[in-house]
C-alpha atoms as a PDB file:
ATOM      1  CA  MET A   1     218.082 116.338  41.006  1.00  0.00           C
ATOM      2  CA  GLY A   2     214.564 118.169  40.125  1.00  0.00           C
ATOM      3  CA  ALA A   3     211.121 117.113  40.503  1.00  0.00           C
ATOM      4  CA  SER A   4     208.423 118.207  38.017  1.00  0.00           C
ATOM      5  CA  ALA A   5     205.353 119.529  38.668  1.00  0.00           C
ATOM      6  CA  ASP A   6     203.569 115.913  38.204  1.00  0.00           C
ATOM      7  CA  GLY A   7     205.977 114.459  40.784  1.00  0.00           C
ATOM      8  CA  TYR A   8     208.412 112.679  38.424  1.00  0.00           C
ATOM      9  CA  THR A   9     212.130 112.796  39.281  1.00  0.00           C
ATOM     10  CA  VAL A  10     214.804 113.182  36.919  1.00  0.00           C
ATOM     11  CA  ARG A  11     218.202 111.738  37.576  1.00  0.00           C
ATOM     12  CA  SER A  12     221.387 111.868  35.338  1.00  0.00           C
ATOM     13  CA  GLY A  13     223.563 108.862  34.857  1.00  0.00           C
ATOM     14  CA  VAL A  14     223.470 105.263  34.923  1.00  0.00           C
ATOM     15  CA  SER A  15     223.417 102.687  37.599  1.00  0.00           C
ATOM     16  CA  GLY A  16     223.089  98.932  38.094  1.00  0.00           C
ATOM     17  CA  GLN A  17     222.405  96.881  35.061  1.00  0.00           C
ATOM     18  CA  ALA A  18     223.124  99.864  32.638  1.00  0.00           C
ATOM     19  CA  LYS A  19     226.300 100.208  33.939  1.00  0.00           C
ATOM     20  CA  GLU A  20     226.866  96.556  33.460  1.00  0.00           C
ATOM     21  CA  LEU A  21     225.537  96.467  29.831  1.00  0.00           C
ATOM     22  CA  ASP A  22     227.656  99.697  29.153  1.00  0.00           C
ATOM     23  CA  GLY A  23     230.691  97.820  30.275  1.00  0.00           C
ATOM     24  CA  ALA A  24     229.828  94.845  28.117  1.00  0.00           C
ATOM     25  CA  GLY A  25     229.649  96.790  25.138  1.00  0.00           C
ATOM     26  CA  ASP A  26     233.180  98.401  26.043  1.00  0.00           C
ATOM     27  CA  ASP A  27     234.408  94.900  26.361  1.00  0.00           C
ATOM     28  CA  THR A  28     233.144  93.657  23.060  1.00  0.00           C
ATOM     29  CA  GLY A  29     234.847  96.762  21.528  1.00  0.00           C
ATOM     30  CA  LYS A  30     238.130  95.645  23.005  1.00  0.00           C
ATOM     31  CA  ILE A  31     237.820  92.074  21.744  1.00  0.00           C
ATOM     32  CA  ARG A  32     236.972  93.248  18.440  1.00  0.00           C
ATOM     33  CA  GLU A  33     240.102  95.077  18.185  1.00  0.00           C
ATOM     34  CA  VAL A  34     241.922  92.323  19.417  1.00  0.00           C
ATOM     35  CA  ILE A  35     240.483  89.642  16.759  1.00  0.00           C
ATOM     36  CA  ALA A  36     240.201  91.893  13.866  1.00  0.00           C
ATOM     37  CA  PRO A  37     243.892  91.736  12.419  1.00  0.00           C
ATOM     38  CA  GLY A  38     243.393  87.874  12.556  1.00  0.00           C
ATOM     39  CA  LEU A  39     240.654  87.702  10.279  1.00  0.00           C
ATOM     40  CA  CYS A  40     241.693  86.409   7.052  1.00  0.00           C
ATOM     41  CA  TYR A  41     239.545  85.031   3.926  1.00  0.00           C
ATOM     42  CA  THR A  42     240.713  82.988   1.062  1.00  0.00           C
ATOM     43  CA  ASP A  43     239.869  84.354  -2.270  1.00  0.00           C
ATOM     44  CA  ASP A  44     237.514  81.652  -3.080  1.00  0.00           C
ATOM     45  CA  ALA A  45     235.314  82.879   0.078  1.00  0.00           C
ATOM     46  CA  LEU A  46     235.195  86.239  -1.206  1.00  0.00           C
ATOM     47  CA  GLY A  47     234.230  85.255  -4.598  1.00  0.00           C
ATOM     48  CA  GLY A  48     237.324  84.565  -6.741  1.00  0.00           C
ATOM     49  CA  PRO A  49     240.651  86.361  -7.129  1.00  0.00           C
ATOM     50  CA  ASP A  50     238.989  89.606  -8.692  1.00  0.00           C
ATOM     51  CA  ALA A  51     236.638  90.079  -5.987  1.00  0.00           C
ATOM     52  CA  ALA A  52     239.180  89.305  -3.075  1.00  0.00           C
ATOM     53  CA  THR A  53     241.365  92.077  -4.638  1.00  0.00           C
ATOM     54  CA  ALA A  54     238.518  94.555  -4.743  1.00  0.00           C
ATOM     55  CA  PHE A  55     237.128  93.611  -0.977  1.00  0.00           C
ATOM     56  CA  ASN A  56     240.326  93.667   0.437  1.00  0.00           C
ATOM     57  CA  ALA A  57     241.286  97.092  -0.980  1.00  0.00           C
ATOM     58  CA  TYR A  58     237.790  98.154   0.082  1.00  0.00           C
ATOM     59  CA  ALA A  59     238.287  96.633   3.608  1.00  0.00           C
ATOM     60  CA  ALA A  60     241.735  98.469   4.129  1.00  0.00           C
ATOM     61  CA  ALA A  61     240.450 101.683   3.209  1.00  0.00           C
END
């Protein structure tokens, strides 16, 4: 770690709450991967059969 001429110290890495927040982000990503395959919408929720077909093709790409 180096100190600048004005007395500030520069540190690399994260600790404490920053590590917890980083871990929470990782956990959120893992949860999303688990539930994503289970998401399912009816054609009506997507605006009808034509819109649903277009959305599903877009989402699968």
